[in-house]
Amino acid sequence: MTCVKCAKAVEKAIAAIDGVESVKVCDKSGKALVTMKEGKTLDKTAVETALKETEFKTKSVVKAEPKKDENKEAKTEEKSKG
């Protein structure tokens, strides 16, 4: 993938997958960072199906652990101090 237009086409295809909260594709690296809604997961088959309309294919799907929401914890802590 070498252009922004290609990256946007891939972003649009992946964003249409059920449970996708956000997606950002880097045209230079060809990698996509996909954030899923809570309780949803993304598998390689879903990505492959979504990309059928584009000229791109997946090499791998790697699961990353969600980042800890420190602000959420702080808010919960403040409420409990009440």
N, C-alpha and C. Protein backbone atom coordinates (compact mmCIF):
# COMPACT_ATOMS: atom_id res chain seq x y z
N MET A 1 0.86 -1.16 0.00
CA MET A 1 0.00 0.00 0.00
C MET A 1 0.90 1.22 0.00
N THR A 2 0.65 2.10 -0.95
CA THR A 2 1.57 3.23 -1.08
C THR A 2 0.89 4.59 -1.11
N CYS A 3 -0.42 4.62 -0.95
CA CYS A 3 -1.07 5.93 -1.01
C CYS A 3 -2.19 6.05 0.02
N VAL A 4 -2.53 7.29 0.30
CA VAL A 4 -3.57 7.58 1.29
C VAL A 4 -4.93 7.07 0.81
N LYS A 5 -5.18 7.16 -0.49
CA LYS A 5 -6.46 6.68 -1.04
C LYS A 5 -6.63 5.18 -0.77
N CYS A 6 -5.58 4.42 -0.94
CA CYS A 6 -5.63 2.99 -0.66
C CYS A 6 -5.89 2.72 0.83
N ALA A 7 -5.20 3.47 1.68
CA ALA A 7 -5.39 3.31 3.12
C ALA A 7 -6.82 3.63 3.52
N LYS A 8 -7.40 4.65 2.93
CA LYS A 8 -8.79 5.02 3.24
C LYS A 8 -9.76 3.94 2.79
N ALA A 9 -9.49 3.29 1.65
CA ALA A 9 -10.34 2.21 1.17
C ALA A 9 -10.32 1.02 2.13
N VAL A 10 -9.14 0.72 2.64
CA VAL A 10 -9.01 -0.37 3.61
C VAL A 10 -9.68 0.01 4.92
N GLU A 11 -9.49 1.24 5.37
CA GLU A 11 -10.15 1.71 6.60
C GLU A 11 -11.67 1.57 6.48
N LYS A 12 -12.21 1.99 5.36
CA LYS A 12 -13.66 1.93 5.15
C LYS A 12 -14.15 0.49 5.19
N ALA A 13 -13.42 -0.41 4.55
CA ALA A 13 -13.82 -1.83 4.53
C ALA A 13 -13.80 -2.43 5.93
N ILE A 14 -12.72 -2.16 6.67
CA ILE A 14 -12.61 -2.73 8.03
C ILE A 14 -13.61 -2.08 8.98
N ALA A 15 -13.86 -0.79 8.82
CA ALA A 15 -14.80 -0.08 9.69
C ALA A 15 -16.22 -0.66 9.58
N ALA A 16 -16.52 -1.29 8.46
CA ALA A 16 -17.86 -1.86 8.25
C ALA A 16 -18.06 -3.19 8.98
N ILE A 17 -17.00 -3.75 9.55
CA ILE A 17 -17.10 -5.02 10.28
C ILE A 17 -17.84 -4.78 11.59
N ASP A 18 -18.76 -5.68 11.91
CA ASP A 18 -19.54 -5.57 13.15
C ASP A 18 -18.61 -5.54 14.37
N GLY A 19 -18.81 -4.56 15.21
CA GLY A 19 -18.04 -4.45 16.45
C GLY A 19 -16.83 -3.55 16.38
N VAL A 20 -16.49 -3.07 15.19
CA VAL A 20 -15.33 -2.18 15.07
C VAL A 20 -15.71 -0.79 15.57
N GLU A 21 -14.92 -0.30 16.51
CA GLU A 21 -15.14 1.04 17.06
C GLU A 21 -14.39 2.08 16.24
N SER A 22 -13.13 1.77 15.89
CA SER A 22 -12.34 2.68 15.07
C SER A 22 -11.25 1.90 14.35
N VAL A 23 -10.75 2.49 13.27
CA VAL A 23 -9.66 1.86 12.52
C VAL A 23 -8.79 2.95 11.91
N LYS A 24 -7.49 2.73 11.97
CA LYS A 24 -6.53 3.66 11.38
C LYS A 24 -5.50 2.83 10.62
N VAL A 25 -5.36 3.12 9.32
CA VAL A 25 -4.42 2.39 8.47
C VAL A 25 -3.27 3.32 8.10
N CYS A 26 -2.05 2.81 8.21
CA CYS A 26 -0.86 3.56 7.81
C CYS A 26 -0.49 3.15 6.40
N ASP A 27 -0.52 4.10 5.47
CA ASP A 27 -0.20 3.77 4.08
C ASP A 27 1.26 3.39 3.90
N LYS A 28 2.13 3.83 4.77
CA LYS A 28 3.56 3.52 4.65
C LYS A 28 3.87 2.08 5.08
N SER A 29 3.32 1.68 6.23
CA SER A 29 3.61 0.34 6.75
C SER A 29 2.61 -0.71 6.27
N GLY A 30 1.43 -0.26 5.88
CA GLY A 30 0.39 -1.20 5.46
C GLY A 30 -0.31 -1.87 6.63
N LYS A 31 -0.06 -1.37 7.83
CA LYS A 31 -0.67 -1.96 9.02
C LYS A 31 -1.92 -1.18 9.44
N ALA A 32 -2.85 -1.91 10.01
CA ALA A 32 -4.08 -1.29 10.50
C ALA A 32 -4.17 -1.49 12.00
N LEU A 33 -4.56 -0.45 12.70
CA LEU A 33 -4.83 -0.53 14.13
C LEU A 33 -6.33 -0.46 14.28
N VAL A 34 -6.92 -1.54 14.76
CA VAL A 34 -8.37 -1.63 14.89
C VAL A 34 -8.74 -1.68 16.36
N THR A 35 -9.64 -0.82 16.77
CA THR A 35 -10.15 -0.82 18.13
C THR A 35 -11.56 -1.39 18.08
N MET A 36 -11.78 -2.42 18.89
CA MET A 36 -13.09 -3.07 18.91
C MET A 36 -13.92 -2.56 20.09
N LYS A 37 -15.23 -2.63 19.91
CA LYS A 37 -16.13 -2.28 21.00
C LYS A 37 -15.99 -3.32 22.10
N GLU A 38 -16.30 -2.91 23.31
CA GLU A 38 -16.17 -3.80 24.46
C GLU A 38 -16.95 -5.09 24.23
N GLY A 39 -16.28 -6.21 24.48
CA GLY A 39 -16.91 -7.51 24.34
C GLY A 39 -16.86 -8.09 22.93
N LYS A 40 -16.35 -7.34 21.98
CA LYS A 40 -16.26 -7.80 20.59
C LYS A 40 -14.82 -8.19 20.27
N THR A 41 -14.66 -9.13 19.36
CA THR A 41 -13.33 -9.53 18.91
C THR A 41 -13.28 -9.47 17.39
N LEU A 42 -12.07 -9.42 16.87
CA LEU A 42 -11.85 -9.34 15.43
C LEU A 42 -11.05 -10.56 15.01
N ASP A 43 -11.52 -11.25 13.97
CA ASP A 43 -10.74 -12.39 13.50
C ASP A 43 -10.33 -12.19 12.04
N LYS A 44 -9.35 -12.98 11.62
CA LYS A 44 -8.78 -12.83 10.29
C LYS A 44 -9.83 -13.04 9.20
N THR A 45 -10.75 -13.96 9.39
CA THR A 45 -11.78 -14.23 8.39
C THR A 45 -12.66 -13.01 8.15
N ALA A 46 -13.01 -12.31 9.20
CA ALA A 46 -13.83 -11.10 9.07
C ALA A 46 -13.10 -10.03 8.26
N VAL A 47 -11.81 -9.89 8.51
CA VAL A 47 -11.01 -8.90 7.78
C VAL A 47 -10.88 -9.32 6.32
N GLU A 48 -10.59 -10.58 6.07
CA GLU A 48 -10.46 -11.07 4.70
C GLU A 48 -11.75 -10.85 3.91
N THR A 49 -12.88 -11.13 4.53
CA THR A 49 -14.18 -10.94 3.89
C THR A 49 -14.41 -9.47 3.58
N ALA A 50 -14.10 -8.61 4.53
CA ALA A 50 -14.30 -7.16 4.34
C ALA A 50 -13.42 -6.61 3.22
N LEU A 51 -12.23 -7.19 3.05
CA LEU A 51 -11.29 -6.67 2.07
C LEU A 51 -11.47 -7.25 0.66
N LYS A 52 -12.45 -8.14 0.48
CA LYS A 52 -12.68 -8.73 -0.85
C LYS A 52 -12.91 -7.68 -1.93
N GLU A 53 -13.53 -6.56 -1.56
CA GLU A 53 -13.83 -5.49 -2.52
C GLU A 53 -12.60 -4.65 -2.86
N THR A 54 -11.54 -4.80 -2.09
CA THR A 54 -10.31 -4.04 -2.34
C THR A 54 -9.27 -4.97 -2.94
N GLU A 55 -8.13 -4.44 -3.31
CA GLU A 55 -7.06 -5.27 -3.87
C GLU A 55 -6.11 -5.79 -2.79
N PHE A 56 -6.44 -5.56 -1.53
CA PHE A 56 -5.55 -5.91 -0.43
C PHE A 56 -5.99 -7.16 0.29
N LYS A 57 -5.03 -7.83 0.92
CA LYS A 57 -5.29 -9.04 1.69
C LYS A 57 -4.58 -8.93 3.03
N THR A 58 -5.00 -9.76 3.97
CA THR A 58 -4.37 -9.76 5.29
C THR A 58 -3.18 -10.71 5.29
N LYS A 59 -2.17 -10.34 6.06
CA LYS A 59 -1.05 -11.25 6.30
C LYS A 59 -1.24 -11.90 7.66
N SER A 60 -1.68 -11.12 8.61
CA SER A 60 -1.92 -11.65 9.95
C SER A 60 -2.83 -10.71 10.73
N VAL A 61 -3.45 -11.27 11.75
CA VAL A 61 -4.25 -10.48 12.68
C VAL A 61 -3.68 -10.78 14.05
N VAL A 62 -3.20 -9.73 14.71
CA VAL A 62 -2.57 -9.89 16.02
C VAL A 62 -3.43 -9.19 17.06
N LYS A 63 -3.75 -9.92 18.10
CA LYS A 63 -4.56 -9.34 19.17
C LYS A 63 -3.64 -8.60 20.14
N ALA A 64 -4.02 -7.38 20.44
CA ALA A 64 -3.29 -6.59 21.44
C ALA A 64 -4.20 -6.38 22.63
N GLU A 65 -3.63 -6.38 23.78
CA GLU A 65 -4.42 -6.14 24.98
C GLU A 65 -4.85 -4.69 25.04
N PRO A 66 -6.07 -4.44 25.52
CA PRO A 66 -6.53 -3.04 25.62
C PRO A 66 -5.71 -2.27 26.63
N LYS A 67 -5.57 -0.99 26.35
CA LYS A 67 -4.86 -0.12 27.29
C LYS A 67 -5.75 0.10 28.51
N LYS A 68 -5.12 0.22 29.64
CA LYS A 68 -5.83 0.50 30.88
C LYS A 68 -6.34 1.92 30.84
N ASP A 69 -7.60 2.13 31.14
CA ASP A 69 -8.18 3.47 31.14
C ASP A 69 -7.96 4.08 32.52
N GLU A 70 -6.84 4.80 32.68
CA GLU A 70 -6.49 5.38 33.97
C GLU A 70 -7.51 6.42 34.42
N ASN A 71 -8.07 7.19 33.46
CA ASN A 71 -9.07 8.18 33.82
C ASN A 71 -10.32 7.53 34.39
N LYS A 72 -10.72 6.40 33.83
CA LYS A 72 -11.89 5.68 34.32
C LYS A 72 -11.67 5.23 35.76
N GLU A 73 -10.48 4.69 36.02
CA GLU A 73 -10.15 4.26 37.38
C GLU A 73 -10.15 5.44 38.34
N ALA A 74 -9.62 6.56 37.92
CA ALA A 74 -9.56 7.75 38.78
C ALA A 74 -10.97 8.23 39.10
N LYS A 75 -11.85 8.24 38.11
CA LYS A 75 -13.23 8.68 38.33
C LYS A 75 -13.94 7.75 39.30
N THR A 76 -13.71 6.45 39.14
CA THR A 76 -14.34 5.47 40.04
C THR A 76 -13.85 5.68 41.46
N GLU A 77 -12.56 5.93 41.59
CA GLU A 77 -11.95 6.14 42.90
C GLU A 77 -12.52 7.41 43.55
N GLU A 78 -12.67 8.48 42.79
CA GLU A 78 -13.21 9.73 43.31
C GLU A 78 -14.63 9.55 43.78
N LYS A 79 -15.44 8.81 43.04
CA LYS A 79 -16.83 8.60 43.42
C LYS A 79 -16.93 7.80 44.70
N SER A 80 -16.05 6.82 44.89
CA SER A 80 -16.12 5.99 46.08
C SER A 80 -15.68 6.77 47.32
N LYS A 81 -14.87 7.81 47.14
CA LYS A 81 -14.47 8.64 48.29
C LYS A 81 -15.60 9.53 48.74
N GLY A 82 -16.47 9.86 47.79
CA GLY A 82 -17.63 10.61 47.89
C GLY A 82 -17.88 11.65 48.79
